[in-house]
Amino acid sequence: MIGDPARLDLLAEIVGARTVDDVGSILLPKDLDSFEHLSQQRARAVSELLAEGREKVERVERLVCALYDLPDELTEAVVQHAVERAAR
């Protein structure tokens, strides 16, 4: 696979060494504490990836606005719109 090594490692950790064709084949922890811990880990990982994505969207929008030499107030409006759109 090609891509960011950290993301590929995360994908391998979540999915394992094989792809999952049957979601029912995924084994979950049997005790509630372990399951909750796993769920929290995954939620943190997803949250971090979403935050990283929003940050990248903002940086790209600022770069494009700078290339077009937009005024600061218009740049802020463009960035705010892009971040809101990315959050959906």
PDB file of N, CA and C in Angstrom:
ATOM      1  N   MET A   1       0.833  -1.182   0.000  1.00  0.00           N
ATOM      2  CA  MET A   1       0.000   0.000   0.000  1.00  0.00           C
ATOM      3  C   MET A   1       0.877   1.244   0.000  1.00  0.00           C
ATOM      4  N   ILE A   2       0.296   2.316  -0.491  1.00  0.00           N
ATOM      5  CA  ILE A   2       1.000   3.586  -0.559  1.00  0.00           C
ATOM      6  C   ILE A   2       0.255   4.581   0.315  1.00  0.00           C
ATOM      7  N   GLY A   3       0.990   5.387   1.072  1.00  0.00           N
ATOM      8  CA  GLY A   3       0.356   6.399   1.900  1.00  0.00           C
ATOM      9  C   GLY A   3       1.172   6.707   3.130  1.00  0.00           C
ATOM     10  N   ASP A   4       0.591   7.521   3.985  1.00  0.00           N
ATOM     11  CA  ASP A   4       1.225   7.932   5.231  1.00  0.00           C
ATOM     12  C   ASP A   4       1.450   6.705   6.118  1.00  0.00           C
ATOM     13  N   PRO A   5       2.690   6.415   6.492  1.00  0.00           N
ATOM     14  CA  PRO A   5       2.964   5.219   7.291  1.00  0.00           C
ATOM     15  C   PRO A   5       2.165   5.136   8.590  1.00  0.00           C
ATOM     16  N   ALA A   6       1.959   6.246   9.266  1.00  0.00           N
ATOM     17  CA  ALA A   6       1.199   6.229  10.525  1.00  0.00           C
ATOM     18  C   ALA A   6      -0.246   5.814  10.266  1.00  0.00           C
ATOM     19  N   ARG A   7      -0.836   6.321   9.195  1.00  0.00           N
ATOM     20  CA  ARG A   7      -2.219   5.949   8.874  1.00  0.00           C
ATOM     21  C   ARG A   7      -2.299   4.494   8.437  1.00  0.00           C
ATOM     22  N   LEU A   8      -1.315   4.050   7.674  1.00  0.00           N
ATOM     23  CA  LEU A   8      -1.315   2.653   7.245  1.00  0.00           C
ATOM     24  C   LEU A   8      -1.161   1.718   8.435  1.00  0.00           C
ATOM     25  N   ASP A   9      -0.331   2.122   9.404  1.00  0.00           N
ATOM     26  CA  ASP A   9      -0.186   1.317  10.622  1.00  0.00           C
ATOM     27  C   ASP A   9      -1.502   1.263  11.386  1.00  0.00           C
ATOM     28  N   LEU A  10      -2.190   2.397  11.472  1.00  0.00           N
ATOM     29  CA  LEU A  10      -3.474   2.442  12.161  1.00  0.00           C
ATOM     30  C   LEU A  10      -4.488   1.548  11.446  1.00  0.00           C
ATOM     31  N   LEU A  11      -4.513   1.626  10.125  1.00  0.00           N
ATOM     32  CA  LEU A  11      -5.426   0.778   9.357  1.00  0.00           C
ATOM     33  C   LEU A  11      -5.120  -0.696   9.592  1.00  0.00           C
ATOM     34  N   ALA A  12      -3.851  -1.041   9.580  1.00  0.00           N
ATOM     35  CA  ALA A  12      -3.462  -2.438   9.818  1.00  0.00           C
ATOM     36  C   ALA A  12      -3.864  -2.880  11.222  1.00  0.00           C
ATOM     37  N   GLU A  13      -3.750  -1.970  12.192  1.00  0.00           N
ATOM     38  CA  GLU A  13      -4.127  -2.304  13.573  1.00  0.00           C
ATOM     39  C   GLU A  13      -5.630  -2.529  13.683  1.00  0.00           C
ATOM     40  N   ILE A  14      -6.407  -1.697  12.996  1.00  0.00           N
ATOM     41  CA  ILE A  14      -7.856  -1.805  13.079  1.00  0.00           C
ATOM     42  C   ILE A  14      -8.368  -3.019  12.313  1.00  0.00           C
ATOM     43  N   VAL A  15      -7.903  -3.179  11.094  1.00  0.00           N
ATOM     44  CA  VAL A  15      -8.414  -4.246  10.232  1.00  0.00           C
ATOM     45  C   VAL A  15      -7.639  -5.537  10.403  1.00  0.00           C
ATOM     46  N   GLY A  16      -6.388  -5.414  10.800  1.00  0.00           N
ATOM     47  CA  GLY A  16      -5.536  -6.590  10.898  1.00  0.00           C
ATOM     48  C   GLY A  16      -4.791  -6.795   9.587  1.00  0.00           C
ATOM     49  N   ALA A  17      -4.139  -7.901   9.470  1.00  0.00           N
ATOM     50  CA  ALA A  17      -3.315  -8.163   8.290  1.00  0.00           C
ATOM     51  C   ALA A  17      -4.162  -8.515   7.072  1.00  0.00           C
ATOM     52  N   ARG A  18      -5.432  -8.797   7.284  1.00  0.00           N
ATOM     53  CA  ARG A  18      -6.289  -9.190   6.168  1.00  0.00           C
ATOM     54  C   ARG A  18      -7.443  -8.200   6.041  1.00  0.00           C
ATOM     55  N   THR A  19      -8.045  -8.178   4.884  1.00  0.00           N
ATOM     56  CA  THR A  19      -9.229  -7.353   4.728  1.00  0.00           C
ATOM     57  C   THR A  19     -10.417  -8.113   5.303  1.00  0.00           C
ATOM     58  N   VAL A  20     -11.431  -7.371   5.664  1.00  0.00           N
ATOM     59  CA  VAL A  20     -12.597  -7.977   6.283  1.00  0.00           C
ATOM     60  C   VAL A  20     -13.749  -7.950   5.291  1.00  0.00           C
ATOM     61  N   ASP A  21     -14.132  -9.128   4.804  1.00  0.00           N
ATOM     62  CA  ASP A  21     -15.278  -9.221   3.907  1.00  0.00           C
ATOM     63  C   ASP A  21     -16.562  -9.434   4.694  1.00  0.00           C
ATOM     64  N   ASP A  22     -16.429 -10.077   5.851  1.00  0.00           N
ATOM     65  CA  ASP A  22     -17.587 -10.374   6.679  1.00  0.00           C
ATOM     66  C   ASP A  22     -17.410  -9.685   8.024  1.00  0.00           C
ATOM     67  N   VAL A  23     -18.137  -8.593   8.219  1.00  0.00           N
ATOM     68  CA  VAL A  23     -18.004  -7.817   9.455  1.00  0.00           C
ATOM     69  C   VAL A  23     -18.293  -8.688  10.674  1.00  0.00           C
ATOM     70  N   GLY A  24     -19.155  -9.663  10.522  1.00  0.00           N
ATOM     71  CA  GLY A  24     -19.481 -10.554  11.625  1.00  0.00           C
ATOM     72  C   GLY A  24     -18.319 -11.407  12.079  1.00  0.00           C
ATOM     73  N   SER A  25     -17.261 -11.442  11.276  1.00  0.00           N
ATOM     74  CA  SER A  25     -16.099 -12.255  11.644  1.00  0.00           C
ATOM     75  C   SER A  25     -15.136 -11.516  12.574  1.00  0.00           C
ATOM     76  N   ILE A  26     -15.371 -10.232  12.813  1.00  0.00           N
ATOM     77  CA  ILE A  26     -14.498  -9.456  13.689  1.00  0.00           C
ATOM     78  C   ILE A  26     -14.798  -9.840  15.138  1.00  0.00           C
ATOM     79  N   LEU A  27     -13.764 -10.174  15.874  1.00  0.00           N
ATOM     80  CA  LEU A  27     -13.927 -10.551  17.277  1.00  0.00           C
ATOM     81  C   LEU A  27     -13.760  -9.326  18.163  1.00  0.00           C
ATOM     82  N   LEU A  28     -14.682  -9.146  19.065  1.00  0.00           N
ATOM     83  CA  LEU A  28     -14.627  -8.047  20.018  1.00  0.00           C
ATOM     84  C   LEU A  28     -14.332  -8.606  21.396  1.00  0.00           C
ATOM     85  N   PRO A  29     -13.772  -7.766  22.275  1.00  0.00           N
ATOM     86  CA  PRO A  29     -13.509  -8.232  23.637  1.00  0.00           C
ATOM     87  C   PRO A  29     -14.794  -8.708  24.309  1.00  0.00           C
ATOM     88  N   LYS A  30     -14.658  -9.727  25.119  1.00  0.00           N
ATOM     89  CA  LYS A  30     -15.841 -10.312  25.761  1.00  0.00           C
ATOM     90  C   LYS A  30     -16.243  -9.602  27.042  1.00  0.00           C
ATOM     91  N   ASP A  31     -15.293  -8.942  27.696  1.00  0.00           N
ATOM     92  CA  ASP A  31     -15.691  -8.241  28.921  1.00  0.00           C
ATOM     93  C   ASP A  31     -15.899  -6.759  28.614  1.00  0.00           C
ATOM     94  N   LEU A  32     -16.821  -6.172  29.333  1.00  0.00           N
ATOM     95  CA  LEU A  32     -17.262  -4.813  29.072  1.00  0.00           C
ATOM     96  C   LEU A  32     -16.139  -3.788  29.231  1.00  0.00           C
ATOM     97  N   ASP A  33     -15.276  -3.943  30.227  1.00  0.00           N
ATOM     98  CA  ASP A  33     -14.184  -2.991  30.437  1.00  0.00           C
ATOM     99  C   ASP A  33     -13.226  -2.965  29.250  1.00  0.00           C
ATOM    100  N   SER A  34     -12.868  -4.141  28.746  1.00  0.00           N
ATOM    101  CA  SER A  34     -11.968  -4.215  27.586  1.00  0.00           C
ATOM    102  C   SER A  34     -12.623  -3.617  26.354  1.00  0.00           C
ATOM    103  N   PHE A  35     -13.908  -3.908  26.183  1.00  0.00           N
ATOM    104  CA  PHE A  35     -14.631  -3.358  25.045  1.00  0.00           C
ATOM    105  C   PHE A  35     -14.686  -1.832  25.126  1.00  0.00           C
ATOM    106  N   GLU A  36     -14.968  -1.311  26.318  1.00  0.00           N
ATOM    107  CA  GLU A  36     -15.026   0.137  26.492  1.00  0.00           C
ATOM    108  C   GLU A  36     -13.669   0.772  26.219  1.00  0.00           C
ATOM    109  N   HIS A  37     -12.606   0.132  26.696  1.00  0.00           N
ATOM    110  CA  HIS A  37     -11.255   0.643  26.454  1.00  0.00           C
ATOM    111  C   HIS A  37     -10.951   0.664  24.953  1.00  0.00           C
ATOM    112  N   LEU A  38     -11.277  -0.410  24.248  1.00  0.00           N
ATOM    113  CA  LEU A  38     -11.064  -0.483  22.806  1.00  0.00           C
ATOM    114  C   LEU A  38     -11.880   0.591  22.088  1.00  0.00           C
ATOM    115  N   SER A  39     -13.128   0.763  22.504  1.00  0.00           N
ATOM    116  CA  SER A  39     -13.996   1.772  21.895  1.00  0.00           C
ATOM    117  C   SER A  39     -13.426   3.176  22.090  1.00  0.00           C
ATOM    118  N   GLN A  40     -12.932   3.455  23.279  1.00  0.00           N
ATOM    119  CA  GLN A  40     -12.348   4.772  23.550  1.00  0.00           C
ATOM    120  C   GLN A  40     -11.094   5.001  22.718  1.00  0.00           C
ATOM    121  N   GLN A  41     -10.276   3.972  22.576  1.00  0.00           N
ATOM    122  CA  GLN A  41      -9.071   4.095  21.740  1.00  0.00           C
ATOM    123  C   GLN A  41      -9.452   4.425  20.300  1.00  0.00           C
ATOM    124  N   ARG A  42     -10.416   3.692  19.776  1.00  0.00           N
ATOM    125  CA  ARG A  42     -10.847   3.916  18.384  1.00  0.00           C
ATOM    126  C   ARG A  42     -11.474   5.293  18.228  1.00  0.00           C
ATOM    127  N   ALA A  43     -12.265   5.711  19.198  1.00  0.00           N
ATOM    128  CA  ALA A  43     -12.903   7.031  19.132  1.00  0.00           C
ATOM    129  C   ALA A  43     -11.850   8.135  19.135  1.00  0.00           C
ATOM    130  N   ARG A  44     -10.810   7.970  19.965  1.00  0.00           N
ATOM    131  CA  ARG A  44      -9.719   8.952  19.984  1.00  0.00           C
ATOM    132  C   ARG A  44      -9.009   8.988  18.641  1.00  0.00           C
ATOM    133  N   ALA A  45      -8.738   7.812  18.063  1.00  0.00           N
ATOM    134  CA  ALA A  45      -8.045   7.743  16.772  1.00  0.00           C
ATOM    135  C   ALA A  45      -8.869   8.423  15.679  1.00  0.00           C
ATOM    136  N   VAL A  46     -10.163   8.160  15.659  1.00  0.00           N
ATOM    137  CA  VAL A  46     -11.037   8.780  14.663  1.00  0.00           C
ATOM    138  C   VAL A  46     -11.089  10.283  14.869  1.00  0.00           C
ATOM    139  N   SER A  47     -11.207  10.709  16.108  1.00  0.00           N
ATOM    140  CA  SER A  47     -11.248  12.136  16.421  1.00  0.00           C
ATOM    141  C   SER A  47      -9.970  12.836  15.970  1.00  0.00           C
ATOM    142  N   GLU A  48      -8.832  12.208  16.215  1.00  0.00           N
ATOM    143  CA  GLU A  48      -7.551  12.787  15.804  1.00  0.00           C
ATOM    144  C   GLU A  48      -7.458  12.888  14.280  1.00  0.00           C
ATOM    145  N   LEU A  49      -7.922  11.864  13.581  1.00  0.00           N
ATOM    146  CA  LEU A  49      -7.896  11.900  12.113  1.00  0.00           C
ATOM    147  C   LEU A  49      -8.821  12.983  11.570  1.00  0.00           C
ATOM    148  N   LEU A  50      -9.997  13.143  12.173  1.00  0.00           N
ATOM    149  CA  LEU A  50     -10.913  14.196  11.742  1.00  0.00           C
ATOM    150  C   LEU A  50     -10.323  15.582  11.987  1.00  0.00           C
ATOM    151  N   ALA A  51      -9.696  15.756  13.137  1.00  0.00           N
ATOM    152  CA  ALA A  51      -9.066  17.053  13.448  1.00  0.00           C
ATOM    153  C   ALA A  51      -7.937  17.342  12.464  1.00  0.00           C
ATOM    154  N   GLU A  52      -7.162  16.324  12.146  1.00  0.00           N
ATOM    155  CA  GLU A  52      -6.079  16.484  11.165  1.00  0.00           C
ATOM    156  C   GLU A  52      -6.654  16.861   9.804  1.00  0.00           C
ATOM    157  N   GLY A  53      -7.746  16.232   9.420  1.00  0.00           N
ATOM    158  CA  GLY A  53      -8.381  16.548   8.140  1.00  0.00           C
ATOM    159  C   GLY A  53      -8.887  17.975   8.093  1.00  0.00           C
ATOM    160  N   ARG A  54      -9.533  18.411   9.174  1.00  0.00           N
ATOM    161  CA  ARG A  54     -10.029  19.790   9.226  1.00  0.00           C
ATOM    162  C   ARG A  54      -8.874  20.782   9.161  1.00  0.00           C
ATOM    163  N   GLU A  55      -7.780  20.472   9.840  1.00  0.00           N
ATOM    164  CA  GLU A  55      -6.609  21.352   9.808  1.00  0.00           C
ATOM    165  C   GLU A  55      -6.055  21.451   8.388  1.00  0.00           C
ATOM    166  N   LYS A  56      -6.008  20.332   7.685  1.00  0.00           N
ATOM    167  CA  LYS A  56      -5.497  20.342   6.304  1.00  0.00           C
ATOM    168  C   LYS A  56      -6.422  21.123   5.386  1.00  0.00           C
ATOM    169  N   VAL A  57      -7.737  20.972   5.569  1.00  0.00           N
ATOM    170  CA  VAL A  57      -8.693  21.737   4.772  1.00  0.00           C
ATOM    171  C   VAL A  57      -8.453  23.227   4.982  1.00  0.00           C
ATOM    172  N   GLU A  58      -8.277  23.623   6.228  1.00  0.00           N
ATOM    173  CA  GLU A  58      -8.040  25.043   6.525  1.00  0.00           C
ATOM    174  C   GLU A  58      -6.752  25.538   5.875  1.00  0.00           C
ATOM    175  N   ARG A  59      -5.684  24.755   5.977  1.00  0.00           N
ATOM    176  CA  ARG A  59      -4.413  25.175   5.378  1.00  0.00           C
ATOM    177  C   ARG A  59      -4.521  25.317   3.858  1.00  0.00           C
ATOM    178  N   VAL A  60      -5.196  24.374   3.222  1.00  0.00           N
ATOM    179  CA  VAL A  60      -5.350  24.429   1.766  1.00  0.00           C
ATOM    180  C   VAL A  60      -6.171  25.646   1.367  1.00  0.00           C
ATOM    181  N   GLU A  61      -7.264  25.891   2.076  1.00  0.00           N
ATOM    182  CA  GLU A  61      -8.097  27.054   1.759  1.00  0.00           C
ATOM    183  C   GLU A  61      -7.309  28.351   1.925  1.00  0.00           C
ATOM    184  N   ARG A  62      -6.508  28.437   2.979  1.00  0.00           N
ATOM    185  CA  ARG A  62      -5.700  29.649   3.184  1.00  0.00           C
ATOM    186  C   ARG A  62      -4.676  29.811   2.065  1.00  0.00           C
ATOM    187  N   LEU A  63      -4.101  28.712   1.630  1.00  0.00           N
ATOM    188  CA  LEU A  63      -3.124  28.760   0.536  1.00  0.00           C
ATOM    189  C   LEU A  63      -3.788  29.241  -0.755  1.00  0.00           C
ATOM    190  N   VAL A  64      -4.949  28.687  -1.073  1.00  0.00           N
ATOM    191  CA  VAL A  64      -5.663  29.095  -2.284  1.00  0.00           C
ATOM    192  C   VAL A  64      -6.047  30.574  -2.206  1.00  0.00           C
ATOM    193  N   CYS A  65      -6.542  31.006  -1.053  1.00  0.00           N
ATOM    194  CA  CYS A  65      -6.894  32.421  -0.886  1.00  0.00           C
ATOM    195  C   CYS A  65      -5.670  33.319  -1.053  1.00  0.00           C
ATOM    196  N   ALA A  66      -4.538  32.876  -0.535  1.00  0.00           N
ATOM    197  CA  ALA A  66      -3.305  33.660  -0.688  1.00  0.00           C
ATOM    198  C   ALA A  66      -2.883  33.712  -2.158  1.00  0.00           C
ATOM    199  N   LEU A  67      -3.031  32.617  -2.868  1.00  0.00           N
ATOM    200  CA  LEU A  67      -2.676  32.602  -4.294  1.00  0.00           C
ATOM    201  C   LEU A  67      -3.528  33.576  -5.094  1.00  0.00           C
ATOM    202  N   TYR A  68      -4.793  33.727  -4.693  1.00  0.00           N
ATOM    203  CA  TYR A  68      -5.689  34.657  -5.363  1.00  0.00           C
ATOM    204  C   TYR A  68      -5.665  36.045  -4.733  1.00  0.00           C
ATOM    205  N   ASP A  69      -4.811  36.227  -3.723  1.00  0.00           N
ATOM    206  CA  ASP A  69      -4.621  37.512  -3.053  1.00  0.00           C
ATOM    207  C   ASP A  69      -5.935  38.090  -2.524  1.00  0.00           C
ATOM    208  N   LEU A  70      -6.725  37.233  -1.869  1.00  0.00           N
ATOM    209  CA  LEU A  70      -7.980  37.688  -1.278  1.00  0.00           C
ATOM    210  C   LEU A  70      -7.706  38.479  -0.003  1.00  0.00           C
ATOM    211  N   PRO A  71      -8.551  39.440   0.304  1.00  0.00           N
ATOM    212  CA  PRO A  71      -8.391  40.182   1.561  1.00  0.00           C
ATOM    213  C   PRO A  71      -8.613  39.255   2.764  1.00  0.00           C
ATOM    214  N   ASP A  72      -8.048  39.648   3.897  1.00  0.00           N
ATOM    215  CA  ASP A  72      -8.110  38.811   5.101  1.00  0.00           C
ATOM    216  C   ASP A  72      -9.532  38.446   5.516  1.00  0.00           C
ATOM    217  N   GLU A  73     -10.452  39.431   5.490  1.00  0.00           N
ATOM    218  CA  GLU A  73     -11.820  39.133   5.941  1.00  0.00           C
ATOM    219  C   GLU A  73     -12.506  38.138   5.009  1.00  0.00           C
ATOM    220  N   LEU A  74     -12.249  38.214   3.714  1.00  0.00           N
ATOM    221  CA  LEU A  74     -12.826  37.247   2.788  1.00  0.00           C
ATOM    222  C   LEU A  74     -12.174  35.878   2.979  1.00  0.00           C
ATOM    223  N   THR A  75     -10.877  35.869   3.232  1.00  0.00           N
ATOM    224  CA  THR A  75     -10.170  34.610   3.498  1.00  0.00           C
ATOM    225  C   THR A  75     -10.775  33.916   4.711  1.00  0.00           C
ATOM    226  N   GLU A  76     -11.040  34.666   5.771  1.00  0.00           N
ATOM    227  CA  GLU A  76     -11.632  34.080   6.977  1.00  0.00           C
ATOM    228  C   GLU A  76     -13.006  33.499   6.689  1.00  0.00           C
ATOM    229  N   ALA A  77     -13.799  34.193   5.874  1.00  0.00           N
ATOM    230  CA  ALA A  77     -15.128  33.685   5.528  1.00  0.00           C
ATOM    231  C   ALA A  77     -15.020  32.394   4.707  1.00  0.00           C
ATOM    232  N   VAL A  78     -14.080  32.357   3.772  1.00  0.00           N
ATOM    233  CA  VAL A  78     -13.866  31.160   2.951  1.00  0.00           C
ATOM    234  C   VAL A  78     -13.423  29.995   3.828  1.00  0.00           C
ATOM    235  N   VAL A  79     -12.486  30.253   4.727  1.00  0.00           N
ATOM    236  CA  VAL A  79     -11.977  29.207   5.615  1.00  0.00           C
ATOM    237  C   VAL A  79     -13.095  28.691   6.522  1.00  0.00           C
ATOM    238  N   GLN A  80     -13.869  29.599   7.091  1.00  0.00           N
ATOM    239  CA  GLN A  80     -14.968  29.179   7.969  1.00  0.00           C
ATOM    240  C   GLN A  80     -15.962  28.310   7.216  1.00  0.00           C
ATOM    241  N   HIS A  81     -16.304  28.685   5.999  1.00  0.00           N
ATOM    242  CA  HIS A  81     -17.234  27.899   5.185  1.00  0.00           C
ATOM    243  C   HIS A  81     -16.648  26.505   4.896  1.00  0.00           C
ATOM    244  N   ALA A  82     -15.371  26.441   4.546  1.00  0.00           N
ATOM    245  CA  ALA A  82     -14.732  25.171   4.231  1.00  0.00           C
ATOM    246  C   ALA A  82     -14.672  24.258   5.446  1.00  0.00           C
ATOM    247  N   VAL A  83     -14.360  24.816   6.605  1.00  0.00           N
ATOM    248  CA  VAL A  83     -14.295  24.010   7.836  1.00  0.00           C
ATOM    249  C   VAL A  83     -15.681  23.494   8.200  1.00  0.00           C
ATOM    250  N   GLU A  84     -16.698  24.322   8.062  1.00  0.00           N
ATOM    251  CA  GLU A  84     -18.072  23.882   8.341  1.00  0.00           C
ATOM    252  C   GLU A  84     -18.490  22.794   7.357  1.00  0.00           C
ATOM    253  N   ARG A  85     -18.138  22.959   6.098  1.00  0.00           N
ATOM    254  CA  ARG A  85     -18.468  21.953   5.083  1.00  0.00           C
ATOM    255  C   ARG A  85     -17.743  20.635   5.379  1.00  0.00           C
ATOM    256  N   ALA A  86     -16.501  20.725   5.792  1.00  0.00           N
ATOM    257  CA  ALA A  86     -15.715  19.520   6.099  1.00  0.00           C
ATOM    258  C   ALA A  86     -16.256  18.800   7.323  1.00  0.00           C
ATOM    259  N   ALA A  87     -16.879  19.531   8.242  1.00  0.00           N
ATOM    260  CA  ALA A  87     -17.416  18.924   9.457  1.00  0.00           C
ATOM    261  C   ALA A  87     -18.656  18.093   9.174  1.00  0.00           C
ATOM    262  N   ARG A  88     -19.302  18.359   8.045  1.00  0.00           N
ATOM    263  CA  ARG A  88     -20.516  17.596   7.703  1.00  0.00           C
ATOM    264  C   ARG A  88     -20.119  16.305   7.178  1.00  0.00           C
TER     265      ARG A  88
END
